[in-house]
N, C-alpha and C. Protein backbone atom coordinates (compact mmCIF):
# COMPACT_ATOMS: atom_id res chain seq x y z
N UNK A 1 14.06 41.02 12.42
CA UNK A 1 12.62 40.82 12.36
C UNK A 1 12.33 39.53 11.60
N UNK A 2 11.48 38.70 12.18
CA UNK A 2 11.12 37.43 11.54
C UNK A 2 9.85 37.60 10.73
N UNK A 3 9.84 36.92 9.61
CA UNK A 3 8.61 36.90 8.82
C UNK A 3 8.08 35.48 8.80
N UNK A 4 6.80 35.37 8.90
CA UNK A 4 6.15 34.07 8.88
C UNK A 4 5.35 33.94 7.61
N UNK A 5 5.56 32.83 6.92
CA UNK A 5 4.78 32.59 5.71
C UNK A 5 3.90 31.38 5.94
N UNK A 6 2.73 31.46 5.44
CA UNK A 6 1.79 30.35 5.53
C UNK A 6 1.53 29.85 4.13
N UNK A 7 1.62 28.53 3.96
CA UNK A 7 1.32 28.00 2.64
C UNK A 7 0.19 27.00 2.76
N UNK A 8 -0.63 27.01 1.78
CA UNK A 8 -1.78 26.11 1.75
C UNK A 8 -1.37 24.85 1.00
N UNK A 9 -1.69 23.71 1.60
CA UNK A 9 -1.36 22.44 0.95
C UNK A 9 -2.35 22.15 -0.15
N UNK A 10 -1.84 21.71 -1.26
CA UNK A 10 -2.68 21.34 -2.39
C UNK A 10 -3.13 19.89 -2.22
N UNK A 11 -4.40 19.64 -2.31
CA UNK A 11 -4.94 18.29 -2.25
C UNK A 11 -5.42 17.92 -3.64
N UNK A 12 -4.91 16.82 -4.18
CA UNK A 12 -5.35 16.44 -5.53
C UNK A 12 -6.87 16.27 -5.57
N UNK A 13 -7.45 16.77 -6.64
CA UNK A 13 -8.90 16.64 -6.76
C UNK A 13 -9.24 15.28 -7.33
N UNK A 14 -10.40 14.79 -6.94
CA UNK A 14 -10.88 13.50 -7.44
C UNK A 14 -11.84 13.77 -8.60
N UNK A 15 -11.51 13.27 -9.74
CA UNK A 15 -12.45 13.37 -10.85
C UNK A 15 -13.28 12.10 -10.87
N UNK A 16 -14.29 12.07 -11.68
CA UNK A 16 -15.13 10.88 -11.79
C UNK A 16 -14.30 9.68 -12.22
N UNK A 17 -13.28 9.93 -13.05
CA UNK A 17 -12.44 8.82 -13.52
C UNK A 17 -11.60 8.27 -12.39
N UNK A 18 -11.18 9.11 -11.45
CA UNK A 18 -10.33 8.65 -10.37
C UNK A 18 -11.10 7.89 -9.30
N UNK A 19 -12.36 8.20 -9.13
CA UNK A 19 -13.11 7.58 -8.05
C UNK A 19 -13.58 6.18 -8.39
N UNK A 20 -13.60 5.84 -9.67
CA UNK A 20 -13.96 4.47 -10.04
C UNK A 20 -12.71 3.80 -10.57
N UNK A 21 -12.29 2.72 -9.93
CA UNK A 21 -11.03 2.10 -10.31
C UNK A 21 -11.13 1.31 -11.59
N UNK A 22 -12.18 0.54 -11.76
CA UNK A 22 -12.33 -0.25 -12.97
C UNK A 22 -11.29 -1.35 -13.09
N UNK A 23 -10.51 -1.58 -12.05
CA UNK A 23 -9.47 -2.60 -12.09
C UNK A 23 -9.96 -3.93 -11.57
N UNK A 24 -11.23 -4.00 -11.19
CA UNK A 24 -11.75 -5.23 -10.65
C UNK A 24 -11.26 -5.49 -9.24
N UNK A 25 -10.78 -4.43 -8.56
CA UNK A 25 -10.27 -4.62 -7.21
C UNK A 25 -11.41 -4.91 -6.25
N UNK A 26 -11.10 -5.72 -5.26
CA UNK A 26 -12.11 -6.06 -4.28
C UNK A 26 -11.75 -5.41 -2.95
N UNK A 27 -12.75 -5.20 -2.13
CA UNK A 27 -12.52 -4.64 -0.82
C UNK A 27 -11.76 -5.66 0.02
N UNK A 28 -10.70 -5.23 0.70
CA UNK A 28 -9.91 -6.18 1.47
C UNK A 28 -10.72 -6.78 2.62
N UNK A 29 -10.48 -8.06 2.90
CA UNK A 29 -11.17 -8.69 4.02
C UNK A 29 -10.54 -8.17 5.31
N UNK A 30 -11.28 -8.22 6.42
CA UNK A 30 -10.75 -7.67 7.68
C UNK A 30 -9.40 -8.25 8.08
N UNK A 31 -9.26 -9.56 8.01
CA UNK A 31 -8.00 -10.17 8.43
C UNK A 31 -6.86 -9.70 7.55
N UNK A 32 -7.06 -9.66 6.24
CA UNK A 32 -6.00 -9.22 5.32
C UNK A 32 -5.63 -7.77 5.55
N UNK A 33 -6.61 -6.94 5.82
CA UNK A 33 -6.36 -5.52 6.07
C UNK A 33 -5.45 -5.35 7.30
N UNK A 34 -5.81 -6.00 8.39
CA UNK A 34 -5.02 -5.89 9.61
C UNK A 34 -3.63 -6.51 9.41
N UNK A 35 -3.57 -7.66 8.77
CA UNK A 35 -2.29 -8.34 8.54
C UNK A 35 -1.37 -7.48 7.66
N UNK A 36 -1.92 -6.85 6.64
CA UNK A 36 -1.10 -6.00 5.77
C UNK A 36 -0.56 -4.79 6.52
N UNK A 37 -1.42 -4.17 7.34
CA UNK A 37 -0.95 -3.03 8.13
C UNK A 37 0.13 -3.48 9.12
N UNK A 38 -0.06 -4.65 9.71
CA UNK A 38 0.89 -5.15 10.69
C UNK A 38 2.25 -5.48 10.05
N UNK A 39 2.25 -5.84 8.79
CA UNK A 39 3.49 -6.23 8.12
C UNK A 39 4.39 -5.03 7.78
N UNK A 40 3.85 -3.82 7.87
CA UNK A 40 4.62 -2.62 7.53
C UNK A 40 5.34 -2.14 8.79
N UNK A 41 6.66 -1.93 8.67
CA UNK A 41 7.47 -1.54 9.84
C UNK A 41 8.01 -0.12 9.72
N UNK A 42 7.35 0.71 8.94
CA UNK A 42 7.78 2.10 8.77
C UNK A 42 6.54 2.96 8.54
N UNK A 43 6.73 4.26 8.53
CA UNK A 43 5.60 5.13 8.22
C UNK A 43 5.15 4.89 6.78
N UNK A 44 3.86 5.02 6.55
CA UNK A 44 3.30 4.75 5.23
C UNK A 44 2.94 6.04 4.52
N UNK A 45 2.95 5.98 3.19
CA UNK A 45 2.56 7.12 2.37
C UNK A 45 1.05 7.08 2.12
N UNK A 46 0.56 8.16 1.56
CA UNK A 46 -0.86 8.23 1.19
C UNK A 46 -1.19 7.14 0.18
N UNK A 47 -0.32 6.95 -0.80
CA UNK A 47 -0.57 5.95 -1.84
C UNK A 47 -0.64 4.54 -1.25
N UNK A 48 0.21 4.24 -0.30
CA UNK A 48 0.21 2.91 0.32
C UNK A 48 -1.07 2.68 1.13
N UNK A 49 -1.48 3.69 1.89
CA UNK A 49 -2.71 3.57 2.67
C UNK A 49 -3.91 3.44 1.74
N UNK A 50 -3.92 4.22 0.68
CA UNK A 50 -5.02 4.15 -0.29
C UNK A 50 -5.13 2.75 -0.89
N UNK A 51 -4.00 2.16 -1.22
CA UNK A 51 -4.01 0.82 -1.81
C UNK A 51 -4.55 -0.21 -0.82
N UNK A 52 -4.08 -0.15 0.42
CA UNK A 52 -4.52 -1.11 1.43
C UNK A 52 -6.01 -0.96 1.73
N UNK A 53 -6.49 0.28 1.80
CA UNK A 53 -7.90 0.51 2.13
C UNK A 53 -8.82 0.43 0.92
N UNK A 54 -8.24 0.31 -0.27
CA UNK A 54 -9.05 0.21 -1.48
C UNK A 54 -9.73 1.53 -1.84
N UNK A 55 -9.05 2.63 -1.56
CA UNK A 55 -9.57 3.97 -1.86
C UNK A 55 -8.59 4.70 -2.77
N UNK A 56 -9.05 5.81 -3.30
CA UNK A 56 -8.18 6.66 -4.11
C UNK A 56 -7.32 7.53 -3.19
N UNK A 57 -6.10 7.88 -3.60
CA UNK A 57 -5.25 8.75 -2.77
C UNK A 57 -5.93 10.08 -2.41
N UNK A 58 -6.69 10.64 -3.32
CA UNK A 58 -7.34 11.92 -3.02
C UNK A 58 -8.36 11.76 -1.89
N UNK A 59 -8.97 10.60 -1.78
CA UNK A 59 -9.91 10.33 -0.68
C UNK A 59 -9.14 10.27 0.64
N UNK A 60 -7.99 9.64 0.63
CA UNK A 60 -7.17 9.54 1.85
C UNK A 60 -6.70 10.93 2.27
N UNK A 61 -6.25 11.75 1.32
CA UNK A 61 -5.87 13.13 1.64
C UNK A 61 -7.03 13.87 2.29
N UNK A 62 -8.20 13.74 1.71
CA UNK A 62 -9.37 14.48 2.19
C UNK A 62 -9.75 14.06 3.61
N UNK A 63 -9.84 12.75 3.87
CA UNK A 63 -10.26 12.33 5.20
C UNK A 63 -9.16 12.57 6.24
N UNK A 64 -7.90 12.56 5.81
CA UNK A 64 -6.82 12.88 6.74
C UNK A 64 -6.85 14.36 7.12
N UNK A 65 -7.13 15.20 6.13
CA UNK A 65 -7.20 16.64 6.40
C UNK A 65 -8.35 16.95 7.36
N UNK A 66 -9.43 16.20 7.25
CA UNK A 66 -10.58 16.37 8.14
C UNK A 66 -10.38 15.66 9.48
N UNK A 67 -9.21 15.04 9.66
CA UNK A 67 -8.88 14.29 10.87
C UNK A 67 -9.82 13.11 11.11
N UNK A 68 -10.29 12.50 10.03
CA UNK A 68 -11.14 11.32 10.12
C UNK A 68 -10.33 10.03 10.09
N UNK A 69 -9.03 10.16 9.82
CA UNK A 69 -8.10 9.05 9.87
C UNK A 69 -6.81 9.60 10.48
N UNK A 70 -6.18 8.87 11.40
CA UNK A 70 -4.97 9.41 12.04
C UNK A 70 -3.80 9.49 11.07
N UNK A 71 -3.14 10.65 11.09
CA UNK A 71 -1.99 10.84 10.21
C UNK A 71 -1.04 11.86 10.84
N UNK A 72 0.15 11.94 10.26
CA UNK A 72 1.17 12.88 10.70
C UNK A 72 1.58 13.75 9.52
N UNK A 73 1.88 15.00 9.79
CA UNK A 73 2.46 15.86 8.77
C UNK A 73 3.93 16.01 9.11
N UNK A 74 4.79 15.52 8.23
CA UNK A 74 6.24 15.59 8.44
C UNK A 74 6.85 16.27 7.24
N UNK A 75 7.39 17.45 7.46
CA UNK A 75 8.03 18.18 6.37
C UNK A 75 7.11 18.46 5.20
N UNK A 76 5.84 18.68 5.48
CA UNK A 76 4.88 18.98 4.43
C UNK A 76 4.30 17.76 3.75
N UNK A 77 4.70 16.57 4.18
CA UNK A 77 4.16 15.34 3.61
C UNK A 77 3.31 14.61 4.65
N UNK A 78 2.23 14.04 4.20
CA UNK A 78 1.35 13.30 5.10
C UNK A 78 1.83 11.86 5.18
N UNK A 79 1.97 11.37 6.42
CA UNK A 79 2.42 10.00 6.67
C UNK A 79 1.47 9.33 7.65
N UNK A 80 1.51 8.01 7.68
CA UNK A 80 0.60 7.24 8.51
C UNK A 80 1.39 6.18 9.27
N UNK A 81 1.10 6.05 10.57
CA UNK A 81 1.71 5.02 11.40
C UNK A 81 0.81 3.79 11.32
N UNK A 82 1.33 2.66 10.81
CA UNK A 82 0.48 1.48 10.64
C UNK A 82 -0.13 0.96 11.95
N UNK A 83 0.61 1.03 13.05
CA UNK A 83 0.06 0.55 14.33
C UNK A 83 -1.11 1.43 14.78
N UNK A 84 -1.02 2.72 14.53
CA UNK A 84 -2.13 3.61 14.85
C UNK A 84 -3.33 3.33 13.95
N UNK A 85 -3.07 3.01 12.69
CA UNK A 85 -4.16 2.68 11.78
C UNK A 85 -4.87 1.39 12.19
N UNK A 86 -4.12 0.43 12.73
CA UNK A 86 -4.74 -0.82 13.20
C UNK A 86 -5.72 -0.51 14.33
N UNK A 87 -5.28 0.29 15.29
CA UNK A 87 -6.15 0.66 16.41
C UNK A 87 -7.36 1.45 15.92
N UNK A 88 -7.13 2.42 15.03
CA UNK A 88 -8.20 3.24 14.49
C UNK A 88 -9.24 2.38 13.77
N UNK A 89 -8.76 1.48 12.90
CA UNK A 89 -9.68 0.63 12.14
C UNK A 89 -10.43 -0.33 13.06
N UNK A 90 -9.75 -0.83 14.07
CA UNK A 90 -10.39 -1.75 15.01
C UNK A 90 -11.52 -1.09 15.79
N UNK A 91 -11.35 0.17 16.10
CA UNK A 91 -12.39 0.90 16.82
C UNK A 91 -13.57 1.21 15.90
N UNK A 92 -13.30 1.38 14.62
CA UNK A 92 -14.35 1.73 13.66
C UNK A 92 -15.20 0.53 13.25
N UNK A 93 -14.61 -0.64 13.25
CA UNK A 93 -15.30 -1.83 12.73
C UNK A 93 -15.08 -3.03 13.63
N UNK A 94 -16.13 -3.58 14.24
CA UNK A 94 -15.98 -4.72 15.14
C UNK A 94 -15.28 -5.93 14.52
N UNK A 95 -15.50 -6.20 13.24
CA UNK A 95 -14.84 -7.33 12.58
C UNK A 95 -13.32 -7.16 12.61
N UNK A 96 -12.86 -5.93 12.46
CA UNK A 96 -11.42 -5.68 12.48
C UNK A 96 -10.85 -5.87 13.87
N UNK A 97 -11.66 -5.59 14.89
CA UNK A 97 -11.24 -5.80 16.27
C UNK A 97 -10.95 -7.29 16.48
N UNK A 98 -11.82 -8.14 15.98
CA UNK A 98 -11.64 -9.59 16.11
C UNK A 98 -10.36 -10.02 15.39
N UNK A 99 -10.14 -9.53 14.19
CA UNK A 99 -8.93 -9.88 13.44
C UNK A 99 -7.67 -9.42 14.17
N UNK A 100 -7.70 -8.22 14.72
CA UNK A 100 -6.53 -7.70 15.45
C UNK A 100 -6.27 -8.52 16.71
N UNK A 101 -7.32 -8.95 17.38
CA UNK A 101 -7.15 -9.79 18.57
C UNK A 101 -6.57 -11.15 18.19
N UNK A 102 -6.99 -11.71 17.06
CA UNK A 102 -6.47 -13.02 16.62
C UNK A 102 -4.96 -12.93 16.35
N UNK A 103 -4.52 -11.78 15.89
CA UNK A 103 -3.09 -11.58 15.62
C UNK A 103 -2.35 -11.08 16.86
N UNK A 104 -3.06 -10.96 17.99
CA UNK A 104 -2.48 -10.45 19.24
C UNK A 104 -1.89 -9.06 19.08
N UNK A 105 -2.56 -8.21 18.29
CA UNK A 105 -2.10 -6.85 18.07
C UNK A 105 -2.70 -5.86 19.05
N UNK A 106 -3.86 -6.22 19.61
CA UNK A 106 -4.50 -5.39 20.62
C UNK A 106 -4.96 -6.28 21.76
N UNK A 107 -5.12 -5.67 22.92
CA UNK A 107 -5.54 -6.43 24.11
C UNK A 107 -6.99 -6.88 23.97
N UNK A 108 -7.28 -8.02 24.51
CA UNK A 108 -8.64 -8.60 24.45
C UNK A 108 -9.60 -7.87 25.35
């Protein structure tokens, strides 16, 4: 007889301190965002995506769980395909579409 166990994934909570960086970070420009994603040749972690998008990791976990950003669950860990993120971002923001076309990453 097989038993099935279900486990709930823990998502780090965002406190007020975590949501404000205070590091003087700036929002990445469209071209830099696309270029940085394009330079990655492996699956990305939540922390890497958060850094590139200028968000907190807990925000990335939350929007990935809601399927608002494309991600993969592999062995209980959330991963991101950079090429899929380029397409996703390009569809969400026209400026990013232009940057992706300039880099010949998507069809015109």
